[in-house]
Amino acid sequence: MAPSFRMIPATPTAEPVATHTHGCVRCGRPVPLDVAMCEDCNPLGLSQPASSQVHGTVFVAVLAAIVILAVLGRVALSGIGPFSADVTTVVPTSSGLTISLTIRNDGTKAGSTMCRITASGTGAQTAVQVRQLQPGETTMIETSTARFGRQPRQFAASCDSP
């Protein structure tokens, strides 16, 4: 009697390979990375947008948002300043100098500024924060500092504009 052989199907010994997925662009169901929409959202199998199209659209949207914010910022800050500043008096004190500034908002909108006082010849500086000034308004500010010593000298003042 001849031996009988029975065929046994081979079982795969390799572990299943994990595939990376992302959400369907319409419903969020997991789909392979090279597919944009699941079969339920694209039952006819129509061609799907390429990843470069999707990324290009997002890039253009971000770029447009940056441009819009820049234009809005420019419009919001236009008309503030320039500010003019003059040193009116320099008085020695026991701890240094008291410097008086006259500051004017020459712009068409209210705004505040930072003014720098520079000692001629040395280049040493100090800064003074100026409260909000209305258009055309002039104010006087006094500041005491030991930065320049106690000897009066020539000073120049300049203010920043936004």
Protein backbone atom coordinates (compact mmCIF):
# COMPACT_ATOMS: atom_id res chain seq x y z
CA MET A 1 0.00 0.00 0.00
CA ALA A 2 1.36 3.35 -0.98
CA PRO A 3 1.75 6.05 1.62
CA SER A 4 -0.80 8.85 1.40
CA PHE A 5 0.20 12.42 1.70
CA ARG A 6 -2.01 15.13 2.94
CA MET A 7 -1.35 18.78 2.04
CA ILE A 8 -1.18 21.12 5.00
CA PRO A 9 -1.51 24.77 4.15
CA ALA A 10 1.47 26.81 5.23
CA THR A 11 0.78 29.36 7.90
CA PRO A 12 2.55 32.65 7.65
CA THR A 13 5.17 33.02 10.31
CA ALA A 14 5.85 36.71 9.72
CA GLU A 15 4.11 39.20 11.95
CA PRO A 16 1.68 41.55 10.22
CA VAL A 17 3.36 44.76 9.13
CA ALA A 18 1.97 47.85 10.84
CA THR A 19 0.90 50.47 8.34
CA HIS A 20 0.88 54.14 9.13
CA THR A 21 -2.40 55.93 8.70
CA HIS A 22 -3.93 59.38 8.93
CA GLY A 23 -7.52 60.56 9.10
CA CYS A 24 -9.81 60.81 6.08
CA VAL A 25 -10.07 64.47 5.07
CA ARG A 26 -13.87 64.33 5.33
CA CYS A 27 -14.80 61.99 8.18
CA GLY A 28 -11.54 61.29 10.02
CA ARG A 29 -11.59 57.48 9.59
CA PRO A 30 -8.05 56.00 9.42
CA VAL A 31 -6.80 55.58 5.85
CA PRO A 32 -3.33 54.77 4.41
CA LEU A 33 -0.94 57.69 3.96
CA ASP A 34 -1.21 57.65 0.16
CA VAL A 35 -5.02 58.02 0.25
CA ALA A 36 -6.89 61.21 1.16
CA MET A 37 -10.45 59.88 1.56
CA CYS A 38 -11.90 56.58 2.74
CA GLU A 39 -14.11 54.39 0.52
CA ASP A 40 -17.28 55.70 2.18
CA CYS A 41 -16.39 59.32 1.37
CA ASN A 42 -15.10 58.50 -2.14
CA PRO A 43 -17.21 55.49 -3.27
CA LEU A 44 -16.51 56.00 -6.97
CA GLY A 45 -12.74 56.00 -6.48
CA LEU A 46 -12.31 59.43 -8.04
CA SER A 47 -8.79 60.77 -8.18
CA GLN A 48 -7.74 62.26 -4.89
CA PRO A 49 -5.78 65.42 -4.25
CA ALA A 50 -2.03 64.96 -4.18
CA SER A 51 -0.21 65.73 -0.95
CA SER A 52 1.62 68.57 -2.72
CA GLN A 53 -1.75 70.15 -3.55
CA VAL A 54 -2.88 69.90 0.08
CA HIS A 55 0.40 71.25 1.45
CA GLY A 56 0.49 74.01 -1.17
CA THR A 57 -3.01 75.12 -0.20
CA VAL A 58 -2.07 75.26 3.48
CA PHE A 59 1.13 77.18 2.67
CA VAL A 60 -0.82 79.76 0.64
CA ALA A 61 -3.37 80.15 3.46
CA VAL A 62 -0.64 80.71 6.08
CA LEU A 63 1.15 83.19 3.80
CA ALA A 64 -2.12 85.09 3.19
CA ALA A 65 -2.78 85.25 6.96
CA ILE A 66 0.70 86.69 7.58
CA VAL A 67 0.23 89.34 4.89
CA ILE A 68 -3.21 90.30 6.26
CA LEU A 69 -1.83 90.62 9.81
CA ALA A 70 1.08 92.76 8.57
CA VAL A 71 -1.30 95.10 6.72
CA LEU A 72 -3.62 95.36 9.75
CA GLY A 73 -0.64 96.09 12.03
CA ARG A 74 0.61 98.79 9.67
CA VAL A 75 -2.82 100.43 9.52
CA ALA A 76 -3.17 100.30 13.32
CA LEU A 77 0.24 101.96 13.87
CA SER A 78 0.14 104.52 11.08
CA GLY A 79 -0.20 108.11 12.24
CA ILE A 80 1.48 107.54 15.61
CA GLY A 81 4.46 109.85 15.86
CA PRO A 82 6.96 111.11 14.97
CA PHE A 83 7.81 112.48 18.39
CA SER A 84 10.18 115.41 18.81
CA ALA A 85 12.22 115.89 21.99
CA ASP A 86 14.37 118.73 23.28
CA VAL A 87 16.49 118.91 26.43
CA THR A 88 15.32 122.05 28.23
CA THR A 89 17.30 122.05 31.49
CA VAL A 90 20.09 120.10 33.17
CA VAL A 91 20.45 120.59 36.93
CA PRO A 92 23.10 118.92 39.11
CA THR A 93 21.81 117.12 42.22
CA SER A 94 23.50 115.32 45.09
CA SER A 95 23.17 111.96 43.30
CA GLY A 96 23.67 112.99 39.67
CA LEU A 97 21.70 115.14 37.24
CA THR A 98 18.04 116.05 36.78
CA ILE A 99 17.29 116.41 33.06
CA SER A 100 14.10 118.05 31.77
CA LEU A 101 12.73 117.11 28.34
CA THR A 102 10.01 118.72 26.25
CA ILE A 103 8.31 116.07 24.06
CA ARG A 104 5.72 116.62 21.33
CA ASN A 105 3.58 114.14 19.36
CA ASP A 106 3.70 115.42 15.77
CA GLY A 107 1.54 112.55 14.47
CA THR A 108 -2.18 112.25 13.76
CA LYS A 109 -2.93 109.55 16.38
CA ALA A 110 -2.35 109.25 20.11
CA GLY A 111 0.64 107.18 21.15
CA SER A 112 3.41 106.64 23.67
CA THR A 113 7.13 106.46 23.03
CA MET A 114 10.55 105.80 24.50
CA CYS A 115 13.04 108.70 24.40
CA ARG A 116 16.82 108.37 24.66
CA ILE A 117 19.02 111.01 26.23
CA THR A 118 22.60 110.93 24.92
CA ALA A 119 25.55 112.78 26.46
CA SER A 120 27.62 114.52 23.80
CA GLY A 121 31.19 113.38 23.56
CA THR A 122 30.74 110.18 25.61
CA GLY A 123 27.93 108.37 23.79
CA ALA A 124 26.45 107.32 27.15
CA GLN A 125 22.65 107.00 27.04
CA THR A 126 19.66 106.66 29.29
CA ALA A 127 16.04 106.05 28.34
CA VAL A 128 12.75 107.57 29.50
CA GLN A 129 9.28 106.09 28.92
CA VAL A 130 6.76 108.74 27.85
CA ARG A 131 3.05 108.38 28.63
CA GLN A 132 0.48 108.46 25.84
CA LEU A 133 0.31 111.82 24.10
CA GLN A 134 -2.60 113.02 21.97
CA PRO A 135 -1.84 114.36 18.45
CA GLY A 136 -0.14 117.74 18.74
CA GLU A 137 0.18 117.45 22.55
CA THR A 138 3.39 118.59 24.25
CA THR A 139 4.55 117.43 27.67
CA MET A 140 7.51 118.04 29.94
CA ILE A 141 9.29 115.16 31.71
CA GLU A 142 11.99 115.30 34.36
CA THR A 143 14.29 112.37 34.98
CA SER A 144 17.06 111.97 37.54
CA THR A 145 20.08 109.86 36.71
CA ALA A 146 23.57 109.17 38.03
CA ARG A 147 24.65 107.65 34.71
CA PHE A 148 26.30 110.86 33.47
CA GLY A 149 27.94 111.93 36.73
CA ARG A 150 27.22 115.29 38.39
CA GLN A 151 28.81 117.62 35.83
CA PRO A 152 26.30 119.35 33.50
CA ARG A 153 27.15 118.97 29.80
CA GLN A 154 25.46 119.01 26.40
CA PHE A 155 22.72 116.41 25.88
CA ALA A 156 20.69 115.36 22.87
CA ALA A 157 17.28 113.67 23.00
CA SER A 158 15.55 111.49 20.42
CA CYS A 159 12.33 109.51 20.55
CA ASP A 160 11.35 106.28 18.81
CA SER A 161 8.36 106.10 16.50
CA PRO A 162 6.46 102.84 15.90
